[in-house]
């Protein structure tokens, strides 16, 4: 996997969580298993990350916050949040590449 593919998938994960209630309702009508598999893939991959990265993943992708919002909410500089996000992306990419995903 490469970084571009992973970032595209993370956008889908974030979208899923912003519309989770809608996807849950659609499940009886339309097969949404592919997006749920993708979400599950990322939720499993983040297991074992240090707590700060786990918190960042949850805030960015599950809760749907932007990096700017997090910088303000967590009282960190935007540059520091960007640095943490790069660290998170590297963690996930390394984990997927070790798994052969």
Protein backbone atom coordinates (compact mmCIF):
# COMPACT_ATOMS: atom_id res chain seq x y z
CA UNK A 1 0.00 0.00 0.00
CA UNK A 2 1.16 3.55 -0.62
CA UNK A 3 0.44 6.77 1.28
CA UNK A 4 -1.97 8.13 -1.36
CA UNK A 5 -4.14 5.01 -1.27
CA UNK A 6 -4.15 5.01 2.50
CA UNK A 7 -5.16 8.68 2.71
CA UNK A 8 -8.00 8.03 0.25
CA UNK A 9 -9.19 5.12 2.38
CA UNK A 10 -9.01 7.24 5.53
CA UNK A 11 -11.25 9.80 3.84
CA UNK A 12 -13.77 7.01 3.28
CA UNK A 13 -13.46 5.92 6.91
CA UNK A 14 -14.09 9.48 8.06
CA UNK A 15 -17.06 9.82 5.71
CA UNK A 16 -18.51 6.55 7.01
CA UNK A 17 -18.38 7.74 10.60
CA UNK A 18 -19.91 11.11 9.75
CA UNK A 19 -22.82 9.24 8.15
CA UNK A 20 -22.80 6.10 10.31
CA UNK A 21 -26.43 6.38 11.32
CA UNK A 22 -27.40 6.68 7.66
CA UNK A 23 -25.25 3.66 6.70
CA UNK A 24 -26.81 1.65 9.51
CA UNK A 25 -30.28 2.42 8.12
CA UNK A 26 -29.20 1.62 4.55
CA UNK A 27 -27.82 -1.74 5.56
CA UNK A 28 -31.23 -3.41 5.20
CA UNK A 29 -31.60 -2.10 1.64
CA UNK A 30 -28.09 -1.82 0.20
CA UNK A 31 -25.03 -3.95 0.86
CA UNK A 32 -22.66 -1.66 2.75
CA UNK A 33 -20.29 -4.44 3.78
CA UNK A 34 -17.36 -3.10 1.75
CA UNK A 35 -17.20 0.19 3.66
CA UNK A 36 -17.65 -1.65 6.96
CA UNK A 37 -14.76 -3.95 6.06
CA UNK A 38 -12.61 -0.93 5.30
CA UNK A 39 -13.53 0.71 8.61
CA UNK A 40 -12.80 -2.53 10.45
CA UNK A 41 -9.42 -2.78 8.72
CA UNK A 42 -8.39 0.63 10.08
CA UNK A 43 -9.88 0.05 13.53
CA UNK A 44 -7.85 -3.16 13.83
CA UNK A 45 -4.69 -1.51 12.48
CA UNK A 46 -4.71 1.24 15.09
CA UNK A 47 -4.68 -1.31 17.92
CA UNK A 48 -1.28 -1.22 19.56
CA UNK A 49 -0.57 2.42 18.69
CA UNK A 50 0.58 4.67 21.49
CA UNK A 51 -2.32 6.40 23.28
CA UNK A 52 -1.76 9.78 21.64
CA UNK A 53 -2.01 8.28 18.14
CA UNK A 54 -5.05 6.26 19.14
CA UNK A 55 -6.70 9.41 20.46
CA UNK A 56 -5.75 11.31 17.30
CA UNK A 57 -7.19 8.57 15.04
CA UNK A 58 -10.43 8.59 17.00
CA UNK A 59 -10.70 12.39 16.96
CA UNK A 60 -9.89 12.76 13.24
CA UNK A 61 -11.66 9.79 11.71
CA UNK A 62 -14.32 8.58 14.14
CA UNK A 63 -15.41 11.94 15.53
CA UNK A 64 -14.67 13.75 12.25
CA UNK A 65 -12.65 16.67 13.59
CA UNK A 66 -10.27 18.62 11.39
CA UNK A 67 -6.64 19.17 12.34
CA UNK A 68 -7.40 22.85 12.95
CA UNK A 69 -10.24 21.97 15.32
CA UNK A 70 -7.98 19.59 17.21
CA UNK A 71 -5.21 22.13 17.55
CA UNK A 72 -7.68 24.50 19.18
CA UNK A 73 -9.43 21.86 21.30
CA UNK A 74 -6.24 20.16 22.50
CA UNK A 75 -4.39 23.45 22.91
CA UNK A 76 -1.55 22.41 20.60
CA UNK A 77 -0.13 24.26 17.62
CA UNK A 78 -1.48 23.35 14.21
CA UNK A 79 2.06 22.34 13.19
CA UNK A 80 2.23 19.89 16.09
CA UNK A 81 -1.10 18.32 15.11
CA UNK A 82 0.19 18.00 11.53
CA UNK A 83 3.32 16.33 12.90
CA UNK A 84 1.21 13.89 14.93
CA UNK A 85 -0.94 13.18 11.88
CA UNK A 86 2.16 12.36 9.84
CA UNK A 87 3.27 10.04 12.65
CA UNK A 88 -0.17 8.39 12.65
CA UNK A 89 -0.08 7.96 8.88
CA UNK A 90 3.39 6.41 9.05
CA UNK A 91 2.29 4.07 11.83
CA UNK A 92 -0.70 2.86 9.80
CA UNK A 93 1.23 2.57 6.55
CA UNK A 94 4.02 0.60 8.21
CA UNK A 95 1.48 -1.70 9.84
CA UNK A 96 -0.34 -2.34 6.55
CA UNK A 97 2.88 -2.92 4.66
CA UNK A 98 4.05 -5.43 7.30
CA UNK A 99 0.70 -7.23 6.93
CA UNK A 100 0.87 -7.14 3.15
CA UNK A 101 -2.32 -5.06 2.84
